[in-house]
Structure formats: C-alpha cells, structure tokens
Amino acid sequence: MAEHGDIRAGRHCVFALHAHLVFVTKFRHRVFAGVHLERMEQIMRDVCADFECELAEFNGEGSHVHLLVRFPPKVALSRLVNSLKGVSSRRLRQEFPELARHRHRRKTYFGLTARSTAVLEDGHRRIWETGAVNRDWDGTWTMVGFSLPAGERSTRHDLRSQLIWAGFGPLQSGLWIAPGTKDVVEMLTALGLGDNVTVLQARALKPTESADLVRKAFDTAQIADRYRAFLDRWDTPSPLPTVADDLARQLFLYGDWLQLVRRDPHLPAEHLPPDWPAIRAETVFRTLARRYEPTAADLADAILDTLPVRVPGPPPAADGPD
C-alpha cells in the first residue's frame, strides 16, 4: 500500500479516511488521571495496529478521551470502535483496580409515599407518645360489632387484622373491644364496611367488671411473654455485642420495640399486675435509645445523602374576564 502524505493508495483505490472518536466515562465521572491516559493511549495504539489502522492523535481529560484514527476501507468502523472500547476498558480495570470501583458511584434516592409517611408517623406516636403503659384510662371502652356474610372471608380477615392493629381484642363472636376512645372511621371506610359494623362507646356495669373484660378479650400472658423476651435480649450491660455499630443496634432496638407496641392493646395499668414487664421494658428501651442516638446519627449522616422534597404548589389562578 503506497502512501502520499494523508493519502493512501491500494491496488484498486486511493483513499484518505479519518474517524474522530470520543469515548466518555459512565455518568461522565472524572476518574482518569495522567497515568491512566498514558496507558490508555498505548493500549489503543496497539488495537489500531491490529486492525492495520493508525492512531494519528490522542488526548483526553478526566471524563473523556478524543481519538483521530486513520483506517483503510476494508475495516468496519463499528468493529474497530467496539475493540477500542472493550479492550481498553478491560485492561485498564485489570491494571488499575481503583477504576473498577467507580462503576458503582451512581446515587439512588428513595422517597416515601403518603401512606408510608402515615405509617411511620403512627409508629413514632406509638413509641414516643402513647407509650407501653396506659395510666390515663378514663374507664370507657370502644366496642365494634360486625356481621359479615360467609362469602366475605377475606374482608373479615382484613377487618380483624386492622382491629388488632388498633388495639382491639375479641370479647365474643363478632364483638371486639378496646380501652378508651378509638377512631375507627378511616379503617372502616377503607374496607367499605360502614353498613356492616356498629361502633359504640360504653362503660362496664355490674355484674361485669373491667378486669373481667381484660381477661376475656386479651391474652395478657402472651403480651407479658413478648415483653420478657425483649428484656432478655436488651436488658444486659452490653446488648448485641456482635453487631457492627450503634447504628445497627439502634435499628434492631427500634424494630423490636415497634413490633411490641404495635401488638400491645395498651391495657389499663390498674387492671394489670404491679410487676407488668412492659414498665421495665419501656425504661430499657428509652435508656438504650438515648445511648445509641449520638453515634447512630453521625453514622447515618456519613452514609445517607438527602435531597429536599419539592412539594408542588397549587396551579396558577386563571385570569378573570376583562
């Protein structure tokens, strides 16, 4: 093949073919230093030589490189580009392992739905406001009576689950009670059961005693066992010693405690034993939560990145008539 400056001649043709190629890092991360660019130029020269091409010019910066390649007509430019990209990427990651870590630098953000926000707010109230011991009971009971057709088994299951979540216990078939005043309107509306359910507020009258209602509707032994299991795990000088750090311990602590208070019907303290284990368990939880909070907050700040939430405003008002 004869050459005359930039013009080359083959047996049946004369040509001067150039390709200006630009390779960009993923997400345009600035990962290349001078040593990386020097090695990349050599790798790409070798690839071009394998294709009987010439790398005429090469330069680059932290996030991209430019190539000017002379190539003969017999070379498929797509194959050359694939080889330049694939070979250089593979060899650079083999020779410079720190470059491989930049493949995982994409950030992902998560937001909460309105429903998730409401669930978390409810959990916060149960942990820090409601508490585990009901010392302010006014002597009233909220009563929910329902009768559903046999074919609505799934709806009956959903209603019972929601009632348990709200602190109700089954007094007898189709009648559930909870201490104090409970707002069940939202629950019943979501299940579409307004016409099938009766809600009343009442007080126990002789010969019925409130202590009897507690005993019949709620398994206090099982509730106490759950609090004792919590104390066995957390009421020690150094809980969960094999866990990595205080952030992890805080997550386990809150998870365990939230499971307890969500399943606790918040029964009146006056109808529970004086040594009710929830009293000690609540003290242990609050003490450990205060202990873990400073270190856990610092670790979370170092790990998590947050963005401000943009709340859409109301649409602009339409212009009135002239």
C-alpha atoms as a PDB file:
ATOM      1  CA  MET A   1       0.000   0.000   0.000  1.00  0.00           C
ATOM      2  CA  ALA A   2       1.554   3.292  -1.134  1.00  0.00           C
ATOM      3  CA  GLU A   3       1.280   6.439   0.994  1.00  0.00           C
ATOM      4  CA  HIS A   4       1.478  10.088  -0.080  1.00  0.00           C
ATOM      5  CA  GLY A   5       1.007  12.267   2.991  1.00  0.00           C
ATOM      6  CA  ASP A   6      -2.500  11.602   4.286  1.00  0.00           C
ATOM      7  CA  ILE A   7      -3.498   9.911   1.039  1.00  0.00           C
ATOM      8  CA  ARG A   8      -3.059   6.178   0.730  1.00  0.00           C
ATOM      9  CA  ALA A   9      -3.308   4.047  -2.383  1.00  0.00           C
ATOM     10  CA  GLY A  10      -4.274   0.429  -2.649  1.00  0.00           C
ATOM     11  CA  ARG A  11      -4.302  -1.821  -5.715  1.00  0.00           C
ATOM     12  CA  HIS A  12      -7.693  -0.547  -6.840  1.00  0.00           C
ATOM     13  CA  CYS A  13      -8.353   2.632  -4.833  1.00  0.00           C
ATOM     14  CA  VAL A  14      -6.969   5.849  -3.377  1.00  0.00           C
ATOM     15  CA  PHE A  15      -8.311   6.922  -0.001  1.00  0.00           C
ATOM     16  CA  ALA A  16      -7.894   9.193   3.000  1.00  0.00           C
ATOM     17  CA  LEU A  17     -10.294   8.002   5.720  1.00  0.00           C
ATOM     18  CA  HIS A  18     -10.260   9.522   9.198  1.00  0.00           C
ATOM     19  CA  ALA A  19     -12.558   8.973  12.168  1.00  0.00           C
ATOM     20  CA  HIS A  20     -12.828  11.313  15.127  1.00  0.00           C
ATOM     21  CA  LEU A  21     -13.912   9.154  18.078  1.00  0.00           C
ATOM     22  CA  VAL A  22     -14.900  10.296  21.567  1.00  0.00           C
ATOM     23  CA  PHE A  23     -15.193   7.873  24.487  1.00  0.00           C
ATOM     24  CA  VAL A  24     -16.944   9.132  27.624  1.00  0.00           C
ATOM     25  CA  THR A  25     -16.977   7.565  31.095  1.00  0.00           C
ATOM     26  CA  LYS A  26     -20.277   6.371  32.509  1.00  0.00           C
ATOM     27  CA  PHE A  27     -22.225   9.285  34.012  1.00  0.00           C
ATOM     28  CA  ARG A  28     -19.238  11.469  32.965  1.00  0.00           C
ATOM     29  CA  HIS A  29     -17.408  10.717  36.206  1.00  0.00           C
ATOM     30  CA  ARG A  30     -13.947  12.285  36.243  1.00  0.00           C
ATOM     31  CA  VAL A  31     -11.905   9.185  37.002  1.00  0.00           C
ATOM     32  CA  PHE A  32      -8.883   9.399  34.685  1.00  0.00           C
ATOM     33  CA  ALA A  33      -5.522  10.751  35.833  1.00  0.00           C
ATOM     34  CA  GLY A  34      -2.431  11.280  33.717  1.00  0.00           C
ATOM     35  CA  VAL A  35      -1.130   7.744  34.251  1.00  0.00           C
ATOM     36  CA  HIS A  36      -4.450   6.304  33.096  1.00  0.00           C
ATOM     37  CA  LEU A  37      -4.488   8.413  29.925  1.00  0.00           C
ATOM     38  CA  GLU A  38      -0.905   7.449  29.052  1.00  0.00           C
ATOM     39  CA  ARG A  39      -1.649   3.751  29.406  1.00  0.00           C
ATOM     40  CA  MET A  40      -4.930   4.103  27.501  1.00  0.00           C
ATOM     41  CA  GLU A  41      -3.147   5.744  24.562  1.00  0.00           C
ATOM     42  CA  GLN A  42      -0.709   2.836  24.324  1.00  0.00           C
ATOM     43  CA  ILE A  43      -3.497   0.241  24.520  1.00  0.00           C
ATOM     44  CA  MET A  44      -5.480   1.999  21.800  1.00  0.00           C
ATOM     45  CA  ARG A  45      -2.408   2.297  19.544  1.00  0.00           C
ATOM     46  CA  ASP A  46      -1.930  -1.450  19.835  1.00  0.00           C
ATOM     47  CA  VAL A  47      -5.587  -2.104  18.971  1.00  0.00           C
ATOM     48  CA  CYS A  48      -5.367   0.187  15.942  1.00  0.00           C
ATOM     49  CA  ALA A  49      -2.224  -1.604  14.764  1.00  0.00           C
ATOM     50  CA  ASP A  50      -4.045  -4.949  14.960  1.00  0.00           C
ATOM     51  CA  PHE A  51      -6.653  -3.523  12.561  1.00  0.00           C
ATOM     52  CA  GLU A  52      -3.958  -2.033  10.249  1.00  0.00           C
ATOM     53  CA  CYS A  53      -5.062   1.431  11.362  1.00  0.00           C
ATOM     54  CA  GLU A  54      -3.119   4.377  12.747  1.00  0.00           C
ATOM     55  CA  LEU A  55      -3.880   6.392  15.859  1.00  0.00           C
ATOM     56  CA  ALA A  56      -2.963   9.833  14.477  1.00  0.00           C
ATOM     57  CA  GLU A  57      -3.917  11.890  17.534  1.00  0.00           C
ATOM     58  CA  PHE A  58      -4.937  11.183  21.130  1.00  0.00           C
ATOM     59  CA  ASN A  59      -5.828  13.437  24.037  1.00  0.00           C
ATOM     60  CA  GLY A  60      -8.230  13.387  26.945  1.00  0.00           C
ATOM     61  CA  GLU A  61      -9.346  14.633  30.333  1.00  0.00           C
ATOM     62  CA  GLY A  62     -10.755  13.095  33.491  1.00  0.00           C
ATOM     63  CA  SER A  63     -14.083  12.083  31.959  1.00  0.00           C
ATOM     64  CA  HIS A  64     -13.407  11.512  28.233  1.00  0.00           C
ATOM     65  CA  VAL A  65     -10.817  10.922  25.502  1.00  0.00           C
ATOM     66  CA  HIS A  66     -10.560  12.019  21.842  1.00  0.00           C
ATOM     67  CA  LEU A  67      -9.038   9.861  19.107  1.00  0.00           C
ATOM     68  CA  LEU A  68      -8.262  10.649  15.476  1.00  0.00           C
ATOM     69  CA  VAL A  69      -7.866   7.363  13.621  1.00  0.00           C
ATOM     70  CA  ARG A  70      -6.768   6.704  10.019  1.00  0.00           C
ATOM     71  CA  PHE A  71      -8.263   3.482   8.691  1.00  0.00           C
ATOM     72  CA  PRO A  72      -8.434   1.601   5.363  1.00  0.00           C
ATOM     73  CA  PRO A  73     -11.720   0.882   3.550  1.00  0.00           C
ATOM     74  CA  LYS A  74     -11.652  -2.807   4.458  1.00  0.00           C
ATOM     75  CA  VAL A  75     -12.009  -2.043   8.175  1.00  0.00           C
ATOM     76  CA  ALA A  76     -15.531  -1.991   9.586  1.00  0.00           C
ATOM     77  CA  LEU A  77     -15.514   1.087  11.784  1.00  0.00           C
ATOM     78  CA  SER A  78     -18.066  -0.432  14.194  1.00  0.00           C
ATOM     79  CA  ARG A  79     -15.765  -3.393  14.912  1.00  0.00           C
ATOM     80  CA  LEU A  80     -12.821  -1.054  15.474  1.00  0.00           C
ATOM     81  CA  VAL A  81     -14.844   1.070  17.931  1.00  0.00           C
ATOM     82  CA  ASN A  82     -16.030  -2.000  19.849  1.00  0.00           C
ATOM     83  CA  SER A  83     -12.475  -3.294  20.179  1.00  0.00           C
ATOM     84  CA  LEU A  84     -11.079   0.068  21.234  1.00  0.00           C
ATOM     85  CA  LYS A  85     -13.735   0.396  23.910  1.00  0.00           C
ATOM     86  CA  GLY A  86     -13.757  -3.190  25.143  1.00  0.00           C
ATOM     87  CA  VAL A  87     -10.012  -3.865  25.207  1.00  0.00           C
ATOM     88  CA  SER A  88      -9.102  -0.535  26.817  1.00  0.00           C
ATOM     89  CA  SER A  89     -11.811  -0.877  29.463  1.00  0.00           C
ATOM     90  CA  ARG A  90     -10.837  -4.434  30.389  1.00  0.00           C
ATOM     91  CA  ARG A  91      -7.085  -3.795  30.554  1.00  0.00           C
ATOM     92  CA  LEU A  92      -7.388  -0.531  32.477  1.00  0.00           C
ATOM     93  CA  ARG A  93      -9.591  -2.153  35.127  1.00  0.00           C
ATOM     94  CA  GLN A  94      -7.136  -5.045  35.407  1.00  0.00           C
ATOM     95  CA  GLU A  95      -4.095  -2.781  35.748  1.00  0.00           C
ATOM     96  CA  PHE A  96      -5.775  -0.033  37.819  1.00  0.00           C
ATOM     97  CA  PRO A  97      -8.282  -1.683  40.236  1.00  0.00           C
ATOM     98  CA  GLU A  98      -9.303   1.694  41.648  1.00  0.00           C
ATOM     99  CA  LEU A  99     -11.066   2.457  38.355  1.00  0.00           C
ATOM    100  CA  ALA A 100     -13.404  -0.519  38.794  1.00  0.00           C
ATOM    101  CA  ARG A 101     -14.855   0.982  41.965  1.00  0.00           C
ATOM    102  CA  HIS A 102     -16.121   3.976  40.029  1.00  0.00           C
ATOM    103  CA  ARG A 103     -18.593   1.732  38.248  1.00  0.00           C
ATOM    104  CA  HIS A 104     -20.799   1.830  41.379  1.00  0.00           C
ATOM    105  CA  ARG A 105     -20.866   5.542  42.079  1.00  0.00           C
ATOM    106  CA  ARG A 106     -24.363   6.174  40.821  1.00  0.00           C
ATOM    107  CA  LYS A 107     -26.579   7.573  43.559  1.00  0.00           C
ATOM    108  CA  THR A 108     -30.096   6.339  44.089  1.00  0.00           C
ATOM    109  CA  TYR A 109     -32.637   8.266  46.126  1.00  0.00           C
ATOM    110  CA  PHE A 110     -35.820   6.924  47.687  1.00  0.00           C
ATOM    111  CA  GLY A 111     -38.906   8.835  48.705  1.00  0.00           C
ATOM    112  CA  LEU A 112     -41.860   7.900  50.871  1.00  0.00           C
ATOM    113  CA  THR A 113     -45.413   7.660  49.636  1.00  0.00           C
ATOM    114  CA  ALA A 114     -48.134   9.401  51.601  1.00  0.00           C
ATOM    115  CA  ARG A 115     -49.213   6.021  53.004  1.00  0.00           C
ATOM    116  CA  SER A 116     -45.651   5.154  54.095  1.00  0.00           C
ATOM    117  CA  THR A 117     -45.294   8.547  55.755  1.00  0.00           C
ATOM    118  CA  ALA A 118     -48.540   7.990  57.680  1.00  0.00           C
ATOM    119  CA  VAL A 119     -47.362   4.544  58.860  1.00  0.00           C
ATOM    120  CA  LEU A 120     -44.051   5.967  60.098  1.00  0.00           C
ATOM    121  CA  GLU A 121     -45.774   8.836  61.860  1.00  0.00           C
ATOM    122  CA  ASP A 122     -48.105   6.352  63.546  1.00  0.00           C
ATOM    123  CA  GLY A 123     -45.098   4.304  64.672  1.00  0.00           C
ATOM    124  CA  HIS A 124     -43.445   7.435  66.068  1.00  0.00           C
ATOM    125  CA  ARG A 125     -46.556   8.274  68.067  1.00  0.00           C
ATOM    126  CA  ARG A 126     -46.808   4.750  69.453  1.00  0.00           C
ATOM    127  CA  ILE A 127     -43.149   4.757  70.505  1.00  0.00           C
ATOM    128  CA  TRP A 128     -42.754   8.234  71.974  1.00  0.00           C
ATOM    129  CA  GLU A 129     -46.255   9.474  72.807  1.00  0.00           C
ATOM    130  CA  THR A 130     -48.572   6.553  73.526  1.00  0.00           C
ATOM    131  CA  GLY A 131     -46.005   4.560  75.460  1.00  0.00           C
ATOM    132  CA  ALA A 132     -46.313   0.982  76.678  1.00  0.00           C
ATOM    133  CA  VAL A 133     -48.302   1.586  79.858  1.00  0.00           C
ATOM    134  CA  ASN A 134     -51.816   3.096  79.922  1.00  0.00           C
ATOM    135  CA  ARG A 135     -52.011   5.103  83.137  1.00  0.00           C
ATOM    136  CA  ASP A 136     -54.636   7.598  81.913  1.00  0.00           C
ATOM    137  CA  TRP A 137     -57.577   5.328  81.161  1.00  0.00           C
ATOM    138  CA  ASP A 138     -60.950   7.029  81.649  1.00  0.00           C
ATOM    139  CA  GLY A 139     -62.919   3.819  82.257  1.00  0.00           C
ATOM    140  CA  THR A 140     -64.569   3.718  78.821  1.00  0.00           C
ATOM    141  CA  TRP A 141     -64.441   1.045  76.131  1.00  0.00           C
ATOM    142  CA  THR A 142     -64.860   1.342  72.378  1.00  0.00           C
ATOM    143  CA  MET A 143     -66.943  -1.545  71.057  1.00  0.00           C
ATOM    144  CA  VAL A 144     -67.060  -2.724  67.436  1.00  0.00           C
ATOM    145  CA  GLY A 145     -69.703  -5.237  66.430  1.00  0.00           C
ATOM    146  CA  PHE A 146     -69.869  -6.704  62.939  1.00  0.00           C
ATOM    147  CA  SER A 147     -71.676  -9.374  60.967  1.00  0.00           C
ATOM    148  CA  LEU A 148     -70.360 -10.307  57.541  1.00  0.00           C
ATOM    149  CA  PRO A 149     -71.666 -12.903  55.064  1.00  0.00           C
ATOM    150  CA  ALA A 150     -69.816 -16.214  54.968  1.00  0.00           C
ATOM    151  CA  GLY A 151     -68.572 -15.455  51.463  1.00  0.00           C
ATOM    152  CA  GLU A 152     -66.632 -12.385  52.640  1.00  0.00           C
ATOM    153  CA  ARG A 153     -63.957 -14.351  54.485  1.00  0.00           C
ATOM    154  CA  SER A 154     -61.139 -12.202  53.124  1.00  0.00           C
ATOM    155  CA  THR A 155     -62.861  -8.993  54.243  1.00  0.00           C
ATOM    156  CA  ARG A 156     -63.468 -10.469  57.699  1.00  0.00           C
ATOM    157  CA  HIS A 157     -59.759 -11.343  57.953  1.00  0.00           C
ATOM    158  CA  ASP A 158     -58.758  -7.801  56.923  1.00  0.00           C
ATOM    159  CA  LEU A 159     -61.108  -6.278  59.489  1.00  0.00           C
ATOM    160  CA  ARG A 160     -59.776  -8.463  62.289  1.00  0.00           C
ATOM    161  CA  SER A 161     -56.198  -7.615  61.367  1.00  0.00           C
ATOM    162  CA  GLN A 162     -56.988  -3.899  61.413  1.00  0.00           C
ATOM    163  CA  LEU A 163     -58.777  -4.214  64.755  1.00  0.00           C
ATOM    164  CA  ILE A 164     -55.795  -5.982  66.330  1.00  0.00           C
ATOM    165  CA  TRP A 165     -53.522  -3.262  64.935  1.00  0.00           C
ATOM    166  CA  ALA A 166     -55.782  -0.635  66.542  1.00  0.00           C
ATOM    167  CA  GLY A 167     -55.648  -2.340  69.977  1.00  0.00           C
ATOM    168  CA  PHE A 168     -58.908  -4.278  69.958  1.00  0.00           C
ATOM    169  CA  GLY A 169     -59.477  -7.745  71.367  1.00  0.00           C
ATOM    170  CA  PRO A 170     -62.339 -10.210  70.717  1.00  0.00           C
ATOM    171  CA  LEU A 171     -64.793 -10.249  73.603  1.00  0.00           C
ATOM    172  CA  GLN A 172     -67.154 -12.695  71.880  1.00  0.00           C
ATOM    173  CA  SER A 173     -68.136 -13.648  68.352  1.00  0.00           C
ATOM    174  CA  GLY A 174     -68.472 -10.508  66.245  1.00  0.00           C
ATOM    175  CA  LEU A 175     -67.796  -8.127  69.164  1.00  0.00           C
ATOM    176  CA  TRP A 176     -64.394  -6.532  69.756  1.00  0.00           C
ATOM    177  CA  ILE A 177     -63.415  -4.034  72.449  1.00  0.00           C
ATOM    178  CA  ALA A 178     -60.540  -1.641  73.130  1.00  0.00           C
ATOM    179  CA  PRO A 179     -59.852   0.563  76.188  1.00  0.00           C
ATOM    180  CA  GLY A 180     -60.562   4.267  75.761  1.00  0.00           C
ATOM    181  CA  THR A 181     -61.808   6.086  72.677  1.00  0.00           C
ATOM    182  CA  LYS A 182     -60.720   4.686  69.316  1.00  0.00           C
ATOM    183  CA  ASP A 183     -61.396   6.392  65.999  1.00  0.00           C
ATOM    184  CA  VAL A 184     -62.176   3.604  63.541  1.00  0.00           C
ATOM    185  CA  VAL A 185     -63.864   5.684  60.829  1.00  0.00           C
ATOM    186  CA  GLU A 186     -60.853   5.690  58.491  1.00  0.00           C
ATOM    187  CA  MET A 187     -60.344   1.943  58.951  1.00  0.00           C
ATOM    188  CA  LEU A 188     -63.972   1.087  58.199  1.00  0.00           C
ATOM    189  CA  THR A 189     -64.123   3.479  55.257  1.00  0.00           C
ATOM    190  CA  ALA A 190     -61.055   1.928  53.663  1.00  0.00           C
ATOM    191  CA  LEU A 191     -62.611  -1.543  54.000  1.00  0.00           C
ATOM    192  CA  GLY A 192     -66.005  -0.356  52.804  1.00  0.00           C
ATOM    193  CA  LEU A 193     -67.771  -1.747  55.884  1.00  0.00           C
ATOM    194  CA  GLY A 194     -69.729   1.191  57.209  1.00  0.00           C
ATOM    195  CA  ASP A 195     -73.100  -0.566  56.817  1.00  0.00           C
ATOM    196  CA  ASN A 196     -71.937  -3.865  58.318  1.00  0.00           C
ATOM    197  CA  VAL A 197     -70.370  -2.550  61.514  1.00  0.00           C
ATOM    198  CA  THR A 198     -71.720  -0.946  64.686  1.00  0.00           C
ATOM    199  CA  VAL A 199     -69.417   1.203  66.833  1.00  0.00           C
ATOM    200  CA  LEU A 200     -70.314   2.180  70.403  1.00  0.00           C
ATOM    201  CA  GLN A 201     -68.628   3.617  73.472  1.00  0.00           C
ATOM    202  CA  ALA A 202     -69.586   2.105  76.839  1.00  0.00           C
ATOM    203  CA  ARG A 203     -68.644   1.530  80.470  1.00  0.00           C
ATOM    204  CA  ALA A 204     -68.762  -1.740  82.349  1.00  0.00           C
ATOM    205  CA  LEU A 205     -71.739  -2.061  84.708  1.00  0.00           C
ATOM    206  CA  LYS A 206     -72.384  -4.604  87.460  1.00  0.00           C
ATOM    207  CA  PRO A 207     -72.077  -7.522  87.443  1.00  0.00           C
ATOM    208  CA  THR A 208     -69.467  -7.018  84.684  1.00  0.00           C
ATOM    209  CA  GLU A 209     -66.047  -5.776  85.833  1.00  0.00           C
ATOM    210  CA  SER A 210     -63.461  -4.153  83.599  1.00  0.00           C
ATOM    211  CA  ALA A 211     -60.913  -6.630  84.889  1.00  0.00           C
ATOM    212  CA  ASP A 212     -63.126  -9.415  83.527  1.00  0.00           C
ATOM    213  CA  LEU A 213     -63.225  -7.720  80.121  1.00  0.00           C
ATOM    214  CA  VAL A 214     -59.416  -7.535  80.076  1.00  0.00           C
ATOM    215  CA  ARG A 215     -59.152 -11.212  80.976  1.00  0.00           C
ATOM    216  CA  LYS A 216     -61.720 -12.349  78.378  1.00  0.00           C
ATOM    217  CA  ALA A 217     -60.678 -10.214  75.380  1.00  0.00           C
ATOM    218  CA  PHE A 218     -56.892 -10.119  75.735  1.00  0.00           C
ATOM    219  CA  ASP A 219     -54.197 -12.740  76.236  1.00  0.00           C
ATOM    220  CA  THR A 220     -52.202 -10.872  78.874  1.00  0.00           C
ATOM    221  CA  ALA A 221     -49.870 -13.826  79.463  1.00  0.00           C
ATOM    222  CA  GLN A 222     -48.793 -13.776  75.827  1.00  0.00           C
ATOM    223  CA  ILE A 223     -48.322  -9.985  75.879  1.00  0.00           C
ATOM    224  CA  ALA A 224     -46.176 -10.285  79.014  1.00  0.00           C
ATOM    225  CA  ASP A 225     -44.075 -13.043  77.442  1.00  0.00           C
ATOM    226  CA  ARG A 226     -43.275 -10.792  74.492  1.00  0.00           C
ATOM    227  CA  TYR A 227     -42.026  -8.048  76.821  1.00  0.00           C
ATOM    228  CA  ARG A 228     -39.945 -10.555  78.787  1.00  0.00           C
ATOM    229  CA  ALA A 229     -38.334 -11.753  75.559  1.00  0.00           C
ATOM    230  CA  PHE A 230     -37.446  -8.138  74.791  1.00  0.00           C
ATOM    231  CA  LEU A 231     -35.861  -7.754  78.221  1.00  0.00           C
ATOM    232  CA  ASP A 232     -33.874 -10.975  77.811  1.00  0.00           C
ATOM    233  CA  ARG A 233     -32.324  -9.532  74.667  1.00  0.00           C
ATOM    234  CA  TRP A 234     -31.823  -5.897  75.645  1.00  0.00           C
ATOM    235  CA  ASP A 235     -31.684  -5.625  79.453  1.00  0.00           C
ATOM    236  CA  THR A 236     -27.990  -6.511  79.633  1.00  0.00           C
ATOM    237  CA  PRO A 237     -24.820  -4.456  80.189  1.00  0.00           C
ATOM    238  CA  SER A 238     -23.842  -4.767  76.511  1.00  0.00           C
ATOM    239  CA  PRO A 239     -26.738  -5.752  74.214  1.00  0.00           C
ATOM    240  CA  LEU A 240     -25.940  -7.391  70.850  1.00  0.00           C
ATOM    241  CA  PRO A 241     -22.125  -7.285  71.238  1.00  0.00           C
ATOM    242  CA  THR A 242     -21.530  -8.928  67.838  1.00  0.00           C
ATOM    243  CA  VAL A 243     -23.433  -6.237  65.911  1.00  0.00           C
ATOM    244  CA  ALA A 244     -21.187  -3.887  63.940  1.00  0.00           C
ATOM    245  CA  ASP A 245     -22.011  -0.492  65.480  1.00  0.00           C
ATOM    246  CA  ASP A 246     -24.565   1.637  67.327  1.00  0.00           C
ATOM    247  CA  LEU A 247     -26.478   2.450  64.144  1.00  0.00           C
ATOM    248  CA  ALA A 248     -27.174  -1.233  63.566  1.00  0.00           C
ATOM    249  CA  ARG A 249     -28.034  -1.728  67.233  1.00  0.00           C
ATOM    250  CA  GLN A 250     -30.405   1.234  67.084  1.00  0.00           C
ATOM    251  CA  LEU A 251     -32.206  -0.254  64.071  1.00  0.00           C
ATOM    252  CA  PHE A 252     -32.613  -3.611  65.813  1.00  0.00           C
ATOM    253  CA  LEU A 253     -33.780  -1.887  69.010  1.00  0.00           C
ATOM    254  CA  TYR A 254     -36.416   0.205  67.266  1.00  0.00           C
ATOM    255  CA  GLY A 255     -37.583  -2.747  65.195  1.00  0.00           C
ATOM    256  CA  ASP A 256     -38.032  -4.961  68.244  1.00  0.00           C
ATOM    257  CA  TRP A 257     -39.778  -2.261  70.261  1.00  0.00           C
ATOM    258  CA  LEU A 258     -42.111  -1.209  67.465  1.00  0.00           C
ATOM    259  CA  GLN A 259     -43.228  -4.802  66.993  1.00  0.00           C
ATOM    260  CA  LEU A 260     -44.056  -4.907  70.703  1.00  0.00           C
ATOM    261  CA  VAL A 261     -46.032  -1.677  70.970  1.00  0.00           C
ATOM    262  CA  ARG A 262     -47.915  -2.318  67.740  1.00  0.00           C
ATOM    263  CA  ARG A 263     -49.187  -5.623  69.142  1.00  0.00           C
ATOM    264  CA  ASP A 264     -49.875  -4.216  72.611  1.00  0.00           C
ATOM    265  CA  PRO A 265     -53.536  -3.209  73.136  1.00  0.00           C
ATOM    266  CA  HIS A 266     -52.426  -0.624  75.703  1.00  0.00           C
ATOM    267  CA  LEU A 267     -54.473  -2.075  78.515  1.00  0.00           C
ATOM    268  CA  PRO A 268     -55.286  -0.028  81.639  1.00  0.00           C
ATOM    269  CA  ALA A 269     -52.462  -0.234  84.149  1.00  0.00           C
ATOM    270  CA  GLU A 270     -54.936  -0.606  87.042  1.00  0.00           C
ATOM    271  CA  HIS A 271     -56.029  -3.996  85.673  1.00  0.00           C
ATOM    272  CA  LEU A 272     -52.520  -5.358  85.174  1.00  0.00           C
ATOM    273  CA  PRO A 273     -50.092  -6.882  87.716  1.00  0.00           C
ATOM    274  CA  PRO A 274     -47.792  -4.433  89.564  1.00  0.00           C
ATOM    275  CA  ASP A 275     -44.756  -6.165  88.065  1.00  0.00           C
ATOM    276  CA  TRP A 276     -46.095  -5.836  84.500  1.00  0.00           C
ATOM    277  CA  PRO A 277     -42.926  -6.314  82.348  1.00  0.00           C
ATOM    278  CA  ALA A 278     -43.844  -3.516  79.936  1.00  0.00           C
ATOM    279  CA  ILE A 279     -42.896  -0.981  82.636  1.00  0.00           C
ATOM    280  CA  ARG A 280     -39.298  -2.203  82.841  1.00  0.00           C
ATOM    281  CA  ALA A 281     -39.114  -2.821  79.087  1.00  0.00           C
ATOM    282  CA  GLU A 282     -40.102   0.768  78.301  1.00  0.00           C
ATOM    283  CA  THR A 283     -37.405   2.101  80.633  1.00  0.00           C
ATOM    284  CA  VAL A 284     -34.789  -0.117  78.994  1.00  0.00           C
ATOM    285  CA  PHE A 285     -35.857   0.969  75.508  1.00  0.00           C
ATOM    286  CA  ARG A 286     -35.698   4.685  76.261  1.00  0.00           C
ATOM    287  CA  THR A 287     -32.330   4.363  78.015  1.00  0.00           C
ATOM    288  CA  LEU A 288     -30.754   2.482  75.109  1.00  0.00           C
ATOM    289  CA  ALA A 289     -32.331   4.774  72.521  1.00  0.00           C
ATOM    290  CA  ARG A 290     -30.692   7.781  74.196  1.00  0.00           C
ATOM    291  CA  ARG A 291     -27.377   5.910  74.433  1.00  0.00           C
ATOM    292  CA  TYR A 292     -27.259   4.963  70.746  1.00  0.00           C
ATOM    293  CA  GLU A 293     -28.655   8.193  69.300  1.00  0.00           C
ATOM    294  CA  PRO A 294     -25.479  10.402  69.051  1.00  0.00           C
ATOM    295  CA  THR A 295     -23.226   7.791  67.427  1.00  0.00           C
ATOM    296  CA  ALA A 296     -26.005   6.380  65.249  1.00  0.00           C
ATOM    297  CA  ALA A 297     -26.881   9.853  63.963  1.00  0.00           C
ATOM    298  CA  ASP A 298     -23.257  10.535  62.969  1.00  0.00           C
ATOM    299  CA  LEU A 299     -23.003   7.186  61.172  1.00  0.00           C
ATOM    300  CA  ALA A 300     -26.282   7.771  59.338  1.00  0.00           C
ATOM    301  CA  ASP A 301     -25.172  11.249  58.232  1.00  0.00           C
ATOM    302  CA  ALA A 302     -21.966   9.755  56.819  1.00  0.00           C
ATOM    303  CA  ILE A 303     -23.836   7.048  54.899  1.00  0.00           C
ATOM    304  CA  LEU A 304     -27.017   8.728  53.726  1.00  0.00           C
ATOM    305  CA  ASP A 305     -27.463  11.628  51.353  1.00  0.00           C
ATOM    306  CA  THR A 306     -30.722  13.547  51.321  1.00  0.00           C
ATOM    307  CA  LEU A 307     -32.447  15.869  48.904  1.00  0.00           C
ATOM    308  CA  PRO A 308     -35.090  18.479  49.686  1.00  0.00           C
ATOM    309  CA  VAL A 309     -38.584  17.382  48.793  1.00  0.00           C
ATOM    310  CA  ARG A 310     -40.310  19.574  46.256  1.00  0.00           C
ATOM    311  CA  VAL A 311     -43.947  19.985  47.144  1.00  0.00           C
ATOM    312  CA  PRO A 312     -45.943  21.070  44.106  1.00  0.00           C
ATOM    313  CA  GLY A 313     -47.854  24.261  44.665  1.00  0.00           C
ATOM    314  CA  PRO A 314     -51.408  24.993  43.608  1.00  0.00           C
ATOM    315  CA  PRO A 315     -51.969  25.655  39.910  1.00  0.00           C
ATOM    316  CA  PRO A 316     -51.936  29.313  38.906  1.00  0.00           C
ATOM    317  CA  ALA A 317     -55.305  31.001  39.047  1.00  0.00           C
ATOM    318  CA  ALA A 318     -56.979  31.531  35.730  1.00  0.00           C
ATOM    319  CA  ASP A 319     -57.238  35.103  34.552  1.00  0.00           C
ATOM    320  CA  GLY A 320     -60.704  36.564  35.047  1.00  0.00           C
ATOM    321  CA  PRO A 321     -62.712  38.192  32.320  1.00  0.00           C
ATOM    322  CA  ASP A 322     -61.548  41.551  31.174  1.00  0.00           C
END
